[in-house]
C-alpha atoms as a PDB file:
ATOM      1  CA  MET A   1      88.663 -32.592 -46.890  1.00  0.00           C
ATOM      2  CA  CYS A   2      88.684 -28.799 -46.981  1.00  0.00           C
ATOM      3  CA  CYS A   3      89.762 -28.817 -50.643  1.00  0.00           C
ATOM      4  CA  PHE A   4      86.933 -31.194 -51.536  1.00  0.00           C
ATOM      5  CA  PHE A   5      84.378 -28.924 -49.868  1.00  0.00           C
ATOM      6  CA  ALA A   6      85.795 -25.846 -51.611  1.00  0.00           C
ATOM      7  CA  ALA A   7      85.672 -27.607 -54.971  1.00  0.00           C
ATOM      8  CA  LEU A   8      82.092 -28.727 -54.338  1.00  0.00           C
ATOM      9  CA  VAL A   9      81.004 -25.183 -53.448  1.00  0.00           C
ATOM     10  CA  LEU A  10      82.656 -23.743 -56.547  1.00  0.00           C
ATOM     11  CA  VAL A  11      81.747 -26.435 -59.082  1.00  0.00           C
ATOM     12  CA  GLY A  12      78.419 -27.663 -57.667  1.00  0.00           C
ATOM     13  CA  PRO A  13      76.172 -24.704 -58.554  1.00  0.00           C
ATOM     14  CA  ARG A  14      77.800 -24.310 -61.966  1.00  0.00           C
ATOM     15  CA  LEU A  15      77.143 -27.958 -62.767  1.00  0.00           C
ATOM     16  CA  ALA A  16      73.560 -27.562 -61.551  1.00  0.00           C
ATOM     17  CA  ILE A  17      73.121 -24.567 -63.878  1.00  0.00           C
ATOM     18  CA  LEU A  18      74.352 -26.562 -66.866  1.00  0.00           C
ATOM     19  CA  VAL A  19      72.059 -29.494 -66.104  1.00  0.00           C
ATOM     20  CA  TRP A  20      69.072 -27.193 -65.518  1.00  0.00           C
ATOM     21  CA  TRP A  21      69.787 -25.300 -68.755  1.00  0.00           C
ATOM     22  CA  ILE A  22      69.906 -28.565 -70.740  1.00  0.00           C
ATOM     23  CA  TYR A  23      66.715 -29.817 -69.080  1.00  0.00           C
ATOM     24  CA  ASP A  24      64.660 -26.598 -69.378  1.00  0.00           C
ATOM     25  CA  PRO A  25      66.157 -24.063 -71.854  1.00  0.00           C
ATOM     26  CA  ALA A  26      62.818 -22.257 -72.300  1.00  0.00           C
ATOM     27  CA  ARG A  27      62.862 -21.107 -68.671  1.00  0.00           C
ATOM     28  CA  TRP A  28      66.361 -19.683 -69.156  1.00  0.00           C
ATOM     29  CA  GLN A  29      65.244 -17.794 -72.255  1.00  0.00           C
ATOM     30  CA  LEU A  30      62.373 -16.276 -70.280  1.00  0.00           C
ATOM     31  CA  ALA A  31      64.666 -15.247 -67.427  1.00  0.00           C
ATOM     32  CA  PHE A  32      67.441 -13.695 -69.534  1.00  0.00           C
ATOM     33  CA  GLU A  33      67.156 -11.741 -72.762  1.00  0.00           C
ATOM     34  CA  HIS A  34      70.806 -12.281 -73.698  1.00  0.00           C
ATOM     35  CA  PHE A  35      72.989 -15.347 -73.345  1.00  0.00           C
ATOM     36  CA  PHE A  36      75.891 -13.146 -72.248  1.00  0.00           C
ATOM     37  CA  VAL A  37      74.178 -12.161 -68.990  1.00  0.00           C
ATOM     38  CA  SER A  38      73.441 -15.754 -68.039  1.00  0.00           C
ATOM     39  CA  PHE A  39      77.011 -16.747 -68.944  1.00  0.00           C
ATOM     40  CA  LEU A  40      78.415 -14.048 -66.648  1.00  0.00           C
ATOM     41  CA  GLY A  41      76.098 -15.308 -63.925  1.00  0.00           C
ATOM     42  CA  LEU A  42      77.415 -18.822 -64.460  1.00  0.00           C
ATOM     43  CA  LEU A  43      80.987 -17.604 -64.015  1.00  0.00           C
ATOM     44  CA  PHE A  44      80.666 -15.109 -61.163  1.00  0.00           C
ATOM     45  CA  LEU A  45      77.327 -15.484 -59.312  1.00  0.00           C
ATOM     46  CA  PRO A  46      75.985 -19.009 -59.861  1.00  0.00           C
ATOM     47  CA  TRP A  47      73.622 -19.131 -56.861  1.00  0.00           C
ATOM     48  CA  THR A  48      72.170 -15.738 -57.746  1.00  0.00           C
ATOM     49  CA  THR A  49      71.715 -16.852 -61.337  1.00  0.00           C
ATOM     50  CA  MET A  50      69.827 -19.960 -60.246  1.00  0.00           C
ATOM     51  CA  GLY A  51      67.702 -17.863 -57.907  1.00  0.00           C
ATOM     52  CA  TRP A  52      66.868 -15.439 -60.713  1.00  0.00           C
ATOM     53  CA  VAL A  53      65.879 -18.257 -63.074  1.00  0.00           C
ATOM     54  CA  LEU A  54      63.707 -19.716 -60.336  1.00  0.00           C
ATOM     55  CA  VAL A  55      61.713 -16.525 -59.701  1.00  0.00           C
ATOM     56  CA  ALA A  56      62.016 -14.274 -62.781  1.00  0.00           C
ATOM     57  CA  PRO A  57      59.797 -15.948 -65.423  1.00  0.00           C
ATOM     58  CA  GLY A  58      56.626 -15.324 -63.388  1.00  0.00           C
ATOM     59  CA  GLY A  59      57.636 -11.822 -62.345  1.00  0.00           C
ATOM     60  CA  VAL A  60      59.564 -10.930 -59.203  1.00  0.00           C
ATOM     61  CA  GLU A  61      57.270  -9.886 -56.371  1.00  0.00           C
ATOM     62  CA  GLY A  62      56.827 -10.489 -52.658  1.00  0.00           C
ATOM     63  CA  PHE A  63      58.597 -13.568 -51.313  1.00  0.00           C
ATOM     64  CA  ASP A  64      60.542 -13.938 -54.585  1.00  0.00           C
ATOM     65  CA  TRP A  65      62.845 -11.161 -53.396  1.00  0.00           C
ATOM     66  CA  VAL A  66      63.680 -13.223 -50.306  1.00  0.00           C
ATOM     67  CA  ILE A  67      64.650 -16.213 -52.447  1.00  0.00           C
ATOM     68  CA  PHE A  68      66.722 -13.990 -54.712  1.00  0.00           C
ATOM     69  CA  GLY A  69      68.382 -12.329 -51.707  1.00  0.00           C
ATOM     70  CA  LEU A  70      69.244 -15.676 -50.104  1.00  0.00           C
ATOM     71  CA  ALA A  71      70.807 -16.852 -53.353  1.00  0.00           C
ATOM     72  CA  PHE A  72      72.933 -13.695 -53.489  1.00  0.00           C
ATOM     73  CA  LEU A  73      73.906 -14.229 -49.848  1.00  0.00           C
ATOM     74  CA  LEU A  74      75.063 -17.762 -50.707  1.00  0.00           C
ATOM     75  CA  ASP A  75      77.323 -16.337 -53.424  1.00  0.00           C
ATOM     76  CA  VAL A  76      78.793 -13.754 -51.078  1.00  0.00           C
ATOM     77  CA  LEU A  77      79.347 -16.360 -48.374  1.00  0.00           C
ATOM     78  CA  SER A  78      80.985 -18.801 -50.783  1.00  0.00           C
ATOM     79  CA  TYR A  79      83.505 -16.152 -51.850  1.00  0.00           C
ATOM     80  CA  SER A  80      84.124 -14.873 -48.326  1.00  0.00           C
ATOM     81  CA  GLY A  81      84.539 -18.429 -47.045  1.00  0.00           C
ATOM     82  CA  SER A  82      87.237 -19.026 -49.640  1.00  0.00           C
ATOM     83  CA  VAL A  83      89.071 -15.883 -48.590  1.00  0.00           C
ATOM     84  CA  TRP A  84      88.845 -16.823 -44.907  1.00  0.00           C
ATOM     85  CA  GLY A  85      90.146 -20.327 -45.584  1.00  0.00           C
ATOM     86  CA  ASN A  86      93.064 -19.019 -47.634  1.00  0.00           C
ATOM     87  CA  LYS A  87      93.989 -16.527 -44.920  1.00  0.00           C
ATOM     88  CA  GLU A  88      94.299 -19.301 -42.367  1.00  0.00           C
ATOM     89  CA  TYR A  89      96.390 -21.387 -44.776  1.00  0.00           C
ATOM     90  CA  ALA A  90      98.693 -18.447 -45.572  1.00  0.00           C
ATOM     91  CA  GLU A  91      99.384 -17.769 -41.892  1.00  0.00           C
ATOM     92  CA  THR A  92     100.485 -21.359 -41.203  1.00  0.00           C
ATOM     93  CA  SER A  93     102.460 -21.970 -44.402  1.00  0.00           C
ATOM     94  CA  TYR A  94     104.943 -19.103 -43.980  1.00  0.00           C
ATOM     95  CA  ALA A  95     105.554 -19.477 -40.261  1.00  0.00           C
END
C-alpha cells in the first residue's frame, strides 16, 4: 500500500501536467517563455509548476503567492515524505 501511495504522489502530478498541457497549451505558453523551464518543472517540481501555470498568466499578486507557496510546500513534503519512508525501511531491512 505504501508503494502505491508513493507512486501516486510521484506520478500523479506529472500525469496531470501532461493532460493539462494537451488540453490548454496556450496557458502554458503564457506561463513559461521556454519549454525547457516547464520541462524541468515537470521533472523536479511538478506541484510548483502546476501552481505557477495556475496563477502566472494573469500576473502574480496577492493571494496568488499563497497558492504558489502551497504548491511549493507540496513538492517539498512529497520529497521529504519519500526520504522519511525510506529511512524507516532501511532501519528494518538491515537489522
